[in-house]
Amino acid sequence: MKTPKHLQPGDTIAIVSPSGAINVEYIEAAKEVLKSWGLLAVEGLFARNQYFNFAGVDEERLTDLQNAINDPNIKAIMCSRGGYGLMKIIDQIDLKPLRRNPKWIIGFSDITALHNALSKKGICSIHGSMCKHLFESELNKESIPILQKILLEDYRPTYTTAYNDYNKNGHAKGRFIGGNLSLIFALQGTPYDLDYKGNILFIEDLCEYAYHIDRMMEGLRLSGALSKIKGLVVGQFTDITNEEKFGKNVYEIIQSAMRDYDVPILFDFPAGHIDNNMPLIIGNKVELNVNIEGGSLTFL
């Protein structure tokens, strides 16, 4: 895996909107925060556009992202928000410049499609805060400084979590992969499907029915993907509907899909659609430990 270099004071970071349309106040606030870190924050030509729910038509969103990838003066790229849209352009993005000159790309949720594509190309990226989190910096006092350290200091975090009844004890090492479960599931069988073998999978999701989560987890089980991983980190599943009618909560659904696999499982990890969405380095090697005291995830 190629790991981008940490940024230097005065380096340029671009904000682009490859998915959903964004409140422009969030872009303005994010630029101020990034400026306070000593960075020069610029934005794509179409970053503030809106075409129905999208941040512009496909060609506009693609143009901004590709220009930021191609420009050697841009040292990192922050996606302004998730939503939906990257799957419509993912096959048109030329990632070859990043093989020669890797740069950090930051985002989560719909940005999982881009994380998958980068992972397949052997390039690390950051599942982490976007513009809204920087706009709401007072609510994200734990996560944002960690993102800053990863970008500016080549920092590798260690996270610890409390004991959870649903956890499955164990120890594993592997490359860290994953993101939003809906995107992971949707990309199965495409060139942007994940390489699961020997790796640690992370999943999170938002606003899904319980049976949708079950269908996606069972789909990953039936495909053989879950049989290949060395460990599972379960992030936040926010605003899940109809758990009572389905008869299982999200954690029980995930446990059921993992029933045949003897690998450590860490539940309730603080990443996903929440305040203090802890940044995760996709593609980095990690060590996962789960025991009677709780769990730890260390980026090596």
C-alpha atoms as a PDB file:
ATOM      1  CA  MET A   1       0.000   0.000   0.000  1.00  0.00           C
ATOM      2  CA  LYS A   2       1.138   3.526  -0.771  1.00  0.00           C
ATOM      3  CA  THR A   3       0.702   5.949   2.134  1.00  0.00           C
ATOM      4  CA  PRO A   4       0.483   9.669   1.306  1.00  0.00           C
ATOM      5  CA  LYS A   5       3.035  11.944   2.939  1.00  0.00           C
ATOM      6  CA  HIS A   6       1.890  14.180   5.777  1.00  0.00           C
ATOM      7  CA  LEU A   7       1.222  17.785   4.878  1.00  0.00           C
ATOM      8  CA  GLN A   8       3.508  20.724   5.513  1.00  0.00           C
ATOM      9  CA  PRO A   9       2.470  24.257   6.584  1.00  0.00           C
ATOM     10  CA  GLY A  10       1.318  26.145   3.523  1.00  0.00           C
ATOM     11  CA  ASP A  11       0.312  23.026   1.590  1.00  0.00           C
ATOM     12  CA  THR A  12      -2.922  23.149  -0.397  1.00  0.00           C
ATOM     13  CA  ILE A  13      -5.957  21.023   0.395  1.00  0.00           C
ATOM     14  CA  ALA A  14      -8.899  21.004  -2.017  1.00  0.00           C
ATOM     15  CA  ILE A  15     -12.563  20.667  -1.064  1.00  0.00           C
ATOM     16  CA  VAL A  16     -14.640  18.932  -3.738  1.00  0.00           C
ATOM     17  CA  SER A  17     -18.222  17.661  -3.835  1.00  0.00           C
ATOM     18  CA  PRO A  18     -18.355  14.345  -5.719  1.00  0.00           C
ATOM     19  CA  SER A  19     -21.682  13.226  -4.249  1.00  0.00           C
ATOM     20  CA  GLY A  20     -24.537  15.191  -2.678  1.00  0.00           C
ATOM     21  CA  ALA A  21     -25.174  18.930  -2.660  1.00  0.00           C
ATOM     22  CA  ILE A  22     -23.889  20.709   0.435  1.00  0.00           C
ATOM     23  CA  ASN A  23     -24.827  23.699   2.547  1.00  0.00           C
ATOM     24  CA  VAL A  24     -22.263  26.313   1.474  1.00  0.00           C
ATOM     25  CA  GLU A  25     -21.861  27.456   5.092  1.00  0.00           C
ATOM     26  CA  TYR A  26     -20.197  24.124   5.800  1.00  0.00           C
ATOM     27  CA  ILE A  27     -17.613  24.727   3.078  1.00  0.00           C
ATOM     28  CA  GLU A  28     -16.829  28.200   4.405  1.00  0.00           C
ATOM     29  CA  ALA A  29     -16.425  26.908   7.965  1.00  0.00           C
ATOM     30  CA  ALA A  30     -14.257  23.986   6.863  1.00  0.00           C
ATOM     31  CA  LYS A  31     -11.938  26.323   4.955  1.00  0.00           C
ATOM     32  CA  GLU A  32     -11.486  28.434   8.090  1.00  0.00           C
ATOM     33  CA  VAL A  33     -10.636  25.380  10.208  1.00  0.00           C
ATOM     34  CA  LEU A  34      -8.162  24.100   7.623  1.00  0.00           C
ATOM     35  CA  LYS A  35      -6.635  27.570   7.420  1.00  0.00           C
ATOM     36  CA  SER A  36      -6.151  27.496  11.210  1.00  0.00           C
ATOM     37  CA  TRP A  37      -4.090  24.332  10.693  1.00  0.00           C
ATOM     38  CA  GLY A  38      -1.707  26.277   8.470  1.00  0.00           C
ATOM     39  CA  LEU A  39      -3.104  24.904   5.200  1.00  0.00           C
ATOM     40  CA  LEU A  40      -4.255  26.715   2.094  1.00  0.00           C
ATOM     41  CA  ALA A  41      -7.838  25.556   1.501  1.00  0.00           C
ATOM     42  CA  VAL A  42      -9.281  25.873  -1.987  1.00  0.00           C
ATOM     43  CA  GLU A  43     -12.468  24.491  -3.473  1.00  0.00           C
ATOM     44  CA  GLY A  44     -13.429  22.944  -6.770  1.00  0.00           C
ATOM     45  CA  LEU A  45     -15.143  25.052  -9.408  1.00  0.00           C
ATOM     46  CA  PHE A  46     -18.394  23.163  -8.893  1.00  0.00           C
ATOM     47  CA  ALA A  47     -18.143  22.381  -5.163  1.00  0.00           C
ATOM     48  CA  ARG A  48     -21.182  24.555  -4.363  1.00  0.00           C
ATOM     49  CA  ASN A  49     -23.338  23.440  -7.265  1.00  0.00           C
ATOM     50  CA  GLN A  50     -26.695  21.722  -6.932  1.00  0.00           C
ATOM     51  CA  TYR A  51     -28.528  19.556  -9.428  1.00  0.00           C
ATOM     52  CA  PHE A  52     -31.499  18.073  -7.591  1.00  0.00           C
ATOM     53  CA  ASN A  53     -29.862  16.116  -4.710  1.00  0.00           C
ATOM     54  CA  PHE A  54     -26.462  16.046  -6.418  1.00  0.00           C
ATOM     55  CA  ALA A  55     -23.629  18.565  -6.196  1.00  0.00           C
ATOM     56  CA  GLY A  56     -23.908  19.264  -9.902  1.00  0.00           C
ATOM     57  CA  VAL A  57     -24.300  16.984 -12.888  1.00  0.00           C
ATOM     58  CA  ASP A  58     -22.019  13.962 -13.207  1.00  0.00           C
ATOM     59  CA  GLU A  59     -19.509  15.760 -15.454  1.00  0.00           C
ATOM     60  CA  GLU A  60     -19.111  18.640 -12.994  1.00  0.00           C
ATOM     61  CA  ARG A  61     -18.560  16.420  -9.989  1.00  0.00           C
ATOM     62  CA  LEU A  62     -16.119  14.270 -11.922  1.00  0.00           C
ATOM     63  CA  THR A  63     -14.226  17.303 -13.242  1.00  0.00           C
ATOM     64  CA  ASP A  64     -13.601  18.745  -9.784  1.00  0.00           C
ATOM     65  CA  LEU A  65     -12.417  15.445  -8.336  1.00  0.00           C
ATOM     66  CA  GLN A  66     -10.205  14.614 -11.306  1.00  0.00           C
ATOM     67  CA  ASN A  67      -8.676  18.092 -11.377  1.00  0.00           C
ATOM     68  CA  ALA A  68      -7.800  17.802  -7.679  1.00  0.00           C
ATOM     69  CA  ILE A  69      -6.255  14.388  -8.267  1.00  0.00           C
ATOM     70  CA  ASN A  70      -4.229  15.622 -11.237  1.00  0.00           C
ATOM     71  CA  ASP A  71      -2.967  18.913  -9.774  1.00  0.00           C
ATOM     72  CA  PRO A  72       0.492  18.341  -8.231  1.00  0.00           C
ATOM     73  CA  ASN A  73       0.090  21.476  -6.114  1.00  0.00           C
ATOM     74  CA  ILE A  74      -2.873  19.969  -4.271  1.00  0.00           C
ATOM     75  CA  LYS A  75      -1.539  17.741  -1.504  1.00  0.00           C
ATOM     76  CA  ALA A  76      -4.825  16.445  -0.042  1.00  0.00           C
ATOM     77  CA  ILE A  77      -8.512  16.290  -0.963  1.00  0.00           C
ATOM     78  CA  MET A  78     -11.475  16.605   1.406  1.00  0.00           C
ATOM     79  CA  CYS A  79     -14.846  15.500   0.091  1.00  0.00           C
ATOM     80  CA  SER A  80     -17.418  18.010   1.287  1.00  0.00           C
ATOM     81  CA  ARG A  81     -20.133  15.469   2.142  1.00  0.00           C
ATOM     82  CA  GLY A  82     -21.578  12.070   1.322  1.00  0.00           C
ATOM     83  CA  GLY A  83     -25.146  11.551   0.168  1.00  0.00           C
ATOM     84  CA  TYR A  84     -25.178   9.773  -3.182  1.00  0.00           C
ATOM     85  CA  GLY A  85     -23.379  10.157  -6.469  1.00  0.00           C
ATOM     86  CA  LEU A  86     -19.912   8.622  -6.509  1.00  0.00           C
ATOM     87  CA  MET A  87     -21.053   5.275  -7.934  1.00  0.00           C
ATOM     88  CA  LYS A  88     -22.264   7.130 -11.019  1.00  0.00           C
ATOM     89  CA  ILE A  89     -18.757   8.403 -11.815  1.00  0.00           C
ATOM     90  CA  ILE A  90     -16.383   5.996 -10.045  1.00  0.00           C
ATOM     91  CA  ASP A  91     -15.531   4.128 -13.257  1.00  0.00           C
ATOM     92  CA  GLN A  92     -14.547   7.389 -14.978  1.00  0.00           C
ATOM     93  CA  ILE A  93     -12.017   8.544 -12.367  1.00  0.00           C
ATOM     94  CA  ASP A  94      -8.379   8.160 -13.374  1.00  0.00           C
ATOM     95  CA  LEU A  95      -6.491   7.202 -10.217  1.00  0.00           C
ATOM     96  CA  LYS A  96      -3.152   6.580 -11.920  1.00  0.00           C
ATOM     97  CA  PRO A  97      -1.723   9.973 -10.851  1.00  0.00           C
ATOM     98  CA  LEU A  98      -2.192   8.889  -7.237  1.00  0.00           C
ATOM     99  CA  ARG A  99      -0.039   5.816  -7.779  1.00  0.00           C
ATOM    100  CA  ARG A 100       2.795   8.147  -8.758  1.00  0.00           C
ATOM    101  CA  ASN A 101       1.953  10.898  -6.285  1.00  0.00           C
ATOM    102  CA  PRO A 102      -0.360   9.641  -3.513  1.00  0.00           C
ATOM    103  CA  LYS A 103      -2.318  12.265  -1.589  1.00  0.00           C
ATOM    104  CA  TRP A 104      -4.762  11.926   1.284  1.00  0.00           C
ATOM    105  CA  ILE A 105      -8.422  11.739   0.292  1.00  0.00           C
ATOM    106  CA  ILE A 106     -10.818  12.252   3.200  1.00  0.00           C
ATOM    107  CA  GLY A 107     -14.496  11.416   3.582  1.00  0.00           C
ATOM    108  CA  PHE A 108     -16.993   8.739   4.582  1.00  0.00           C
ATOM    109  CA  SER A 109     -20.492   7.430   3.862  1.00  0.00           C
ATOM    110  CA  ASP A 110     -20.964   7.632   0.052  1.00  0.00           C
ATOM    111  CA  ILE A 111     -17.213   8.291  -0.205  1.00  0.00           C
ATOM    112  CA  THR A 112     -16.786   4.575   0.595  1.00  0.00           C
ATOM    113  CA  ALA A 113     -16.986   3.971  -3.157  1.00  0.00           C
ATOM    114  CA  LEU A 114     -13.822   6.039  -3.597  1.00  0.00           C
ATOM    115  CA  HIS A 115     -12.133   4.377  -0.619  1.00  0.00           C
ATOM    116  CA  ASN A 116     -12.833   1.000  -2.231  1.00  0.00           C
ATOM    117  CA  ALA A 117     -11.370   2.143  -5.539  1.00  0.00           C
ATOM    118  CA  LEU A 118      -8.263   3.528  -3.834  1.00  0.00           C
ATOM    119  CA  SER A 119      -7.846   0.367  -1.781  1.00  0.00           C
ATOM    120  CA  LYS A 120      -7.943  -1.739  -4.945  1.00  0.00           C
ATOM    121  CA  LYS A 121      -5.204   0.487  -6.379  1.00  0.00           C
ATOM    122  CA  GLY A 122      -3.075   0.103  -3.253  1.00  0.00           C
ATOM    123  CA  ILE A 123      -3.493   3.660  -1.938  1.00  0.00           C
ATOM    124  CA  CYS A 124      -4.369   4.517   1.671  1.00  0.00           C
ATOM    125  CA  SER A 125      -7.136   7.037   2.398  1.00  0.00           C
ATOM    126  CA  ILE A 126      -8.968   8.461   5.417  1.00  0.00           C
ATOM    127  CA  HIS A 127     -12.481   7.504   6.488  1.00  0.00           C
ATOM    128  CA  GLY A 128     -13.146  10.662   8.463  1.00  0.00           C
ATOM    129  CA  SER A 129     -14.808  13.998   9.053  1.00  0.00           C
ATOM    130  CA  MET A 130     -16.033  16.191   6.229  1.00  0.00           C
ATOM    131  CA  CYS A 131     -17.178  19.811   6.097  1.00  0.00           C
ATOM    132  CA  LYS A 132     -20.189  19.530   8.404  1.00  0.00           C
ATOM    133  CA  HIS A 133     -18.054  18.053  11.191  1.00  0.00           C
ATOM    134  CA  LEU A 134     -15.606  20.928  10.842  1.00  0.00           C
ATOM    135  CA  PHE A 135     -18.527  23.386  10.857  1.00  0.00           C
ATOM    136  CA  GLU A 136     -19.700  21.739  14.108  1.00  0.00           C
ATOM    137  CA  SER A 137     -16.197  21.636  15.581  1.00  0.00           C
ATOM    138  CA  GLU A 138     -17.480  22.152  19.128  1.00  0.00           C
ATOM    139  CA  LEU A 139     -19.307  18.812  18.855  1.00  0.00           C
ATOM    140  CA  ASN A 140     -16.247  17.049  17.468  1.00  0.00           C
ATOM    141  CA  LYS A 141     -13.492  18.008  19.888  1.00  0.00           C
ATOM    142  CA  GLU A 142     -12.112  14.465  20.059  1.00  0.00           C
ATOM    143  CA  SER A 143     -12.144  13.416  16.409  1.00  0.00           C
ATOM    144  CA  ILE A 144     -11.015  16.571  14.596  1.00  0.00           C
ATOM    145  CA  PRO A 145      -7.640  16.912  16.411  1.00  0.00           C
ATOM    146  CA  ILE A 146      -6.883  13.290  15.510  1.00  0.00           C
ATOM    147  CA  LEU A 147      -7.645  13.985  11.847  1.00  0.00           C
ATOM    148  CA  GLN A 148      -5.360  17.013  12.050  1.00  0.00           C
ATOM    149  CA  LYS A 149      -2.534  14.905  13.489  1.00  0.00           C
ATOM    150  CA  ILE A 150      -2.917  12.217  10.804  1.00  0.00           C
ATOM    151  CA  LEU A 151      -2.731  14.843   8.075  1.00  0.00           C
ATOM    152  CA  LEU A 152       0.071  16.973   9.525  1.00  0.00           C
ATOM    153  CA  GLU A 153       2.148  14.642  11.688  1.00  0.00           C
ATOM    154  CA  ASP A 154       2.005  11.214  10.054  1.00  0.00           C
ATOM    155  CA  TYR A 155       0.166  10.066  13.206  1.00  0.00           C
ATOM    156  CA  ARG A 156      -1.165   6.513  13.630  1.00  0.00           C
ATOM    157  CA  PRO A 157      -3.922   6.365  16.259  1.00  0.00           C
ATOM    158  CA  THR A 158      -4.812   3.675  18.772  1.00  0.00           C
ATOM    159  CA  TYR A 159      -8.449   3.525  19.852  1.00  0.00           C
ATOM    160  CA  THR A 160      -9.792   1.711  22.890  1.00  0.00           C
ATOM    161  CA  THR A 161     -13.417   0.849  23.586  1.00  0.00           C
ATOM    162  CA  ALA A 162     -15.339  -0.400  26.603  1.00  0.00           C
ATOM    163  CA  TYR A 163     -16.523  -3.963  27.088  1.00  0.00           C
ATOM    164  CA  ASN A 164     -19.618  -4.850  25.063  1.00  0.00           C
ATOM    165  CA  ASP A 165     -21.762  -7.948  25.602  1.00  0.00           C
ATOM    166  CA  TYR A 166     -21.871  -8.569  21.858  1.00  0.00           C
ATOM    167  CA  ASN A 167     -18.098  -8.540  21.392  1.00  0.00           C
ATOM    168  CA  LYS A 168     -16.277 -11.684  20.347  1.00  0.00           C
ATOM    169  CA  ASN A 169     -12.839 -12.008  21.897  1.00  0.00           C
ATOM    170  CA  GLY A 170      -9.725 -12.547  19.864  1.00  0.00           C
ATOM    171  CA  HIS A 171      -6.656 -11.021  18.256  1.00  0.00           C
ATOM    172  CA  ALA A 172      -5.930 -10.317  14.604  1.00  0.00           C
ATOM    173  CA  LYS A 173      -3.734  -8.304  12.281  1.00  0.00           C
ATOM    174  CA  GLY A 174      -4.502  -7.273   8.742  1.00  0.00           C
ATOM    175  CA  ARG A 175      -5.116  -4.449   6.354  1.00  0.00           C
ATOM    176  CA  PHE A 176      -8.025  -2.180   7.325  1.00  0.00           C
ATOM    177  CA  ILE A 177     -10.835  -2.090   4.750  1.00  0.00           C
ATOM    178  CA  GLY A 178     -14.487  -1.075   4.570  1.00  0.00           C
ATOM    179  CA  GLY A 179     -16.805   1.802   5.317  1.00  0.00           C
ATOM    180  CA  ASN A 180     -20.500   2.200   4.664  1.00  0.00           C
ATOM    181  CA  LEU A 181     -22.223  -1.186   4.505  1.00  0.00           C
ATOM    182  CA  SER A 182     -24.715  -0.150   1.802  1.00  0.00           C
ATOM    183  CA  LEU A 183     -21.872   0.881  -0.514  1.00  0.00           C
ATOM    184  CA  ILE A 184     -19.806  -2.211   0.264  1.00  0.00           C
ATOM    185  CA  PHE A 185     -22.806  -4.390  -0.561  1.00  0.00           C
ATOM    186  CA  ALA A 186     -23.694  -2.439  -3.723  1.00  0.00           C
ATOM    187  CA  LEU A 187     -20.143  -2.745  -5.068  1.00  0.00           C
ATOM    188  CA  GLN A 188     -19.991  -6.540  -4.773  1.00  0.00           C
ATOM    189  CA  GLY A 189     -19.103  -8.151  -8.081  1.00  0.00           C
ATOM    190  CA  THR A 190     -17.770  -4.877  -9.536  1.00  0.00           C
ATOM    191  CA  PRO A 191     -14.134  -3.878 -10.090  1.00  0.00           C
ATOM    192  CA  TYR A 192     -14.500  -1.882  -6.845  1.00  0.00           C
ATOM    193  CA  ASP A 193     -15.400  -4.849  -4.663  1.00  0.00           C
ATOM    194  CA  LEU A 194     -13.104  -5.236  -1.666  1.00  0.00           C
ATOM    195  CA  ASP A 195     -10.259  -7.674  -1.251  1.00  0.00           C
ATOM    196  CA  TYR A 196     -11.428  -9.347   1.961  1.00  0.00           C
ATOM    197  CA  LYS A 197      -8.831 -12.094   2.337  1.00  0.00           C
ATOM    198  CA  GLY A 198      -6.800 -11.705   5.513  1.00  0.00           C
ATOM    199  CA  ASN A 199      -8.072  -8.216   6.246  1.00  0.00           C
ATOM    200  CA  ILE A 200      -9.988  -6.412   9.008  1.00  0.00           C
ATOM    201  CA  LEU A 201     -13.411  -5.231   7.843  1.00  0.00           C
ATOM    202  CA  PHE A 202     -15.131  -2.097   9.185  1.00  0.00           C
ATOM    203  CA  ILE A 203     -18.849  -1.412   8.656  1.00  0.00           C
ATOM    204  CA  GLU A 204     -21.304   1.369   9.549  1.00  0.00           C
ATOM    205  CA  ASP A 205     -24.607   2.657   8.164  1.00  0.00           C
ATOM    206  CA  LEU A 206     -27.424   5.169   8.476  1.00  0.00           C
ATOM    207  CA  CYS A 207     -31.222   5.234   8.146  1.00  0.00           C
ATOM    208  CA  GLU A 208     -31.767   1.642   7.052  1.00  0.00           C
ATOM    209  CA  TYR A 209     -34.484  -0.856   7.927  1.00  0.00           C
ATOM    210  CA  ALA A 210     -33.297  -3.717  10.101  1.00  0.00           C
ATOM    211  CA  TYR A 211     -34.147  -6.228   7.373  1.00  0.00           C
ATOM    212  CA  HIS A 212     -32.025  -4.232   4.905  1.00  0.00           C
ATOM    213  CA  ILE A 213     -29.038  -4.672   7.233  1.00  0.00           C
ATOM    214  CA  ASP A 214     -29.832  -8.373   7.503  1.00  0.00           C
ATOM    215  CA  ARG A 215     -30.098  -8.727   3.716  1.00  0.00           C
ATOM    216  CA  MET A 216     -26.738  -7.015   3.181  1.00  0.00           C
ATOM    217  CA  MET A 217     -24.961  -9.026   5.872  1.00  0.00           C
ATOM    218  CA  GLU A 218     -26.402 -12.287   4.564  1.00  0.00           C
ATOM    219  CA  GLY A 219     -25.381 -11.263   1.052  1.00  0.00           C
ATOM    220  CA  LEU A 220     -21.796 -10.790   2.236  1.00  0.00           C
ATOM    221  CA  ARG A 221     -21.978 -14.175   3.985  1.00  0.00           C
ATOM    222  CA  LEU A 222     -23.350 -15.964   0.920  1.00  0.00           C
ATOM    223  CA  SER A 223     -20.724 -14.368  -1.315  1.00  0.00           C
ATOM    224  CA  GLY A 224     -17.969 -15.809   0.890  1.00  0.00           C
ATOM    225  CA  ALA A 225     -16.642 -12.378   1.827  1.00  0.00           C
ATOM    226  CA  LEU A 226     -17.171 -12.801   5.579  1.00  0.00           C
ATOM    227  CA  SER A 227     -15.382 -16.144   5.594  1.00  0.00           C
ATOM    228  CA  LYS A 228     -12.195 -14.448   4.372  1.00  0.00           C
ATOM    229  CA  ILE A 229     -11.779 -11.655   6.930  1.00  0.00           C
ATOM    230  CA  LYS A 230      -9.581 -11.894  10.036  1.00  0.00           C
ATOM    231  CA  GLY A 231     -11.693  -9.556  12.145  1.00  0.00           C
ATOM    232  CA  LEU A 232     -14.704  -7.255  12.128  1.00  0.00           C
ATOM    233  CA  VAL A 233     -15.082  -3.742  13.547  1.00  0.00           C
ATOM    234  CA  VAL A 234     -18.704  -2.634  13.846  1.00  0.00           C
ATOM    235  CA  GLY A 235     -19.148   1.131  13.837  1.00  0.00           C
ATOM    236  CA  GLN A 236     -22.315   3.089  14.467  1.00  0.00           C
ATOM    237  CA  PHE A 237     -25.601   2.073  12.868  1.00  0.00           C
ATOM    238  CA  THR A 238     -27.593   5.263  13.258  1.00  0.00           C
ATOM    239  CA  ASP A 239     -31.391   5.649  13.017  1.00  0.00           C
ATOM    240  CA  ILE A 240     -32.113   2.020  12.148  1.00  0.00           C
ATOM    241  CA  THR A 241     -35.846   1.335  11.711  1.00  0.00           C
ATOM    242  CA  ASN A 242     -38.111  -1.585  12.658  1.00  0.00           C
ATOM    243  CA  GLU A 243     -35.707  -3.616  14.786  1.00  0.00           C
ATOM    244  CA  GLU A 244     -38.596  -4.691  17.024  1.00  0.00           C
ATOM    245  CA  LYS A 245     -40.720  -5.865  14.101  1.00  0.00           C
ATOM    246  CA  PHE A 246     -37.778  -7.762  12.652  1.00  0.00           C
ATOM    247  CA  GLY A 247     -37.076  -9.481  15.960  1.00  0.00           C
ATOM    248  CA  LYS A 248     -33.364  -8.695  16.143  1.00  0.00           C
ATOM    249  CA  ASN A 249     -31.352  -5.561  16.745  1.00  0.00           C
ATOM    250  CA  VAL A 250     -28.473  -4.626  14.445  1.00  0.00           C
ATOM    251  CA  TYR A 251     -25.843  -6.256  16.616  1.00  0.00           C
ATOM    252  CA  GLU A 252     -27.793  -9.524  16.714  1.00  0.00           C
ATOM    253  CA  ILE A 253     -28.184  -9.377  12.933  1.00  0.00           C
ATOM    254  CA  ILE A 254     -24.423  -8.989  12.518  1.00  0.00           C
ATOM    255  CA  GLN A 255     -23.712 -11.733  15.047  1.00  0.00           C
ATOM    256  CA  SER A 256     -25.990 -14.089  13.141  1.00  0.00           C
ATOM    257  CA  ALA A 257     -24.253 -13.422   9.821  1.00  0.00           C
ATOM    258  CA  MET A 258     -20.877 -14.043  11.510  1.00  0.00           C
ATOM    259  CA  ARG A 259     -22.005 -17.185  13.347  1.00  0.00           C
ATOM    260  CA  ASP A 260     -19.714 -19.608  11.508  1.00  0.00           C
ATOM    261  CA  TYR A 261     -16.514 -17.575  11.709  1.00  0.00           C
ATOM    262  CA  ASP A 262     -14.063 -17.645  14.596  1.00  0.00           C
ATOM    263  CA  VAL A 263     -12.695 -14.109  14.344  1.00  0.00           C
ATOM    264  CA  PRO A 264     -12.673 -11.183  16.802  1.00  0.00           C
ATOM    265  CA  ILE A 265     -15.615  -8.797  16.534  1.00  0.00           C
ATOM    266  CA  LEU A 266     -15.548  -5.343  18.112  1.00  0.00           C
ATOM    267  CA  PHE A 267     -18.956  -3.675  18.445  1.00  0.00           C
ATOM    268  CA  ASP A 268     -19.946  -0.053  19.096  1.00  0.00           C
ATOM    269  CA  PHE A 269     -16.820   1.476  17.604  1.00  0.00           C
ATOM    270  CA  PRO A 270     -17.035   5.307  17.559  1.00  0.00           C
ATOM    271  CA  ALA A 271     -17.057   5.880  13.808  1.00  0.00           C
ATOM    272  CA  GLY A 272     -19.905   6.534  11.401  1.00  0.00           C
ATOM    273  CA  HIS A 273     -22.725   9.051  11.182  1.00  0.00           C
ATOM    274  CA  ILE A 274     -22.154  10.486  14.654  1.00  0.00           C
ATOM    275  CA  ASP A 275     -20.424  13.355  16.389  1.00  0.00           C
ATOM    276  CA  ASN A 276     -16.772  12.513  17.030  1.00  0.00           C
ATOM    277  CA  ASN A 277     -16.563  10.229  14.026  1.00  0.00           C
ATOM    278  CA  MET A 278     -13.076   8.906  14.689  1.00  0.00           C
ATOM    279  CA  PRO A 279     -10.803   8.970  11.627  1.00  0.00           C
ATOM    280  CA  LEU A 280      -9.696   5.619  10.249  1.00  0.00           C
ATOM    281  CA  ILE A 281      -6.885   4.972   7.779  1.00  0.00           C
ATOM    282  CA  ILE A 282      -8.259   2.712   5.075  1.00  0.00           C
ATOM    283  CA  GLY A 283      -5.598   0.383   3.706  1.00  0.00           C
ATOM    284  CA  ASN A 284      -3.280   0.734   6.711  1.00  0.00           C
ATOM    285  CA  LYS A 285      -2.214  -2.350   8.641  1.00  0.00           C
ATOM    286  CA  VAL A 286      -3.961  -2.647  11.996  1.00  0.00           C
ATOM    287  CA  GLU A 287      -3.949  -4.801  15.093  1.00  0.00           C
ATOM    288  CA  LEU A 288      -7.320  -5.679  16.590  1.00  0.00           C
ATOM    289  CA  ASN A 289      -7.621  -6.949  20.172  1.00  0.00           C
ATOM    290  CA  VAL A 290     -10.911  -7.861  21.848  1.00  0.00           C
ATOM    291  CA  ASN A 291     -11.004  -9.271  25.384  1.00  0.00           C
ATOM    292  CA  ILE A 292     -12.992  -9.240  28.623  1.00  0.00           C
ATOM    293  CA  GLU A 293     -11.914  -5.649  29.304  1.00  0.00           C
ATOM    294  CA  GLY A 294     -12.994  -4.238  25.943  1.00  0.00           C
ATOM    295  CA  GLY A 295     -11.237  -3.706  22.659  1.00  0.00           C
ATOM    296  CA  SER A 296      -8.434  -1.845  20.955  1.00  0.00           C
ATOM    297  CA  LEU A 297      -7.691  -0.979  17.350  1.00  0.00           C
ATOM    298  CA  THR A 298      -4.134   0.110  16.592  1.00  0.00           C
ATOM    299  CA  PHE A 299      -2.981   1.513  13.253  1.00  0.00           C
ATOM    300  CA  LEU A 300       0.563   0.262  12.746  1.00  0.00           C
END
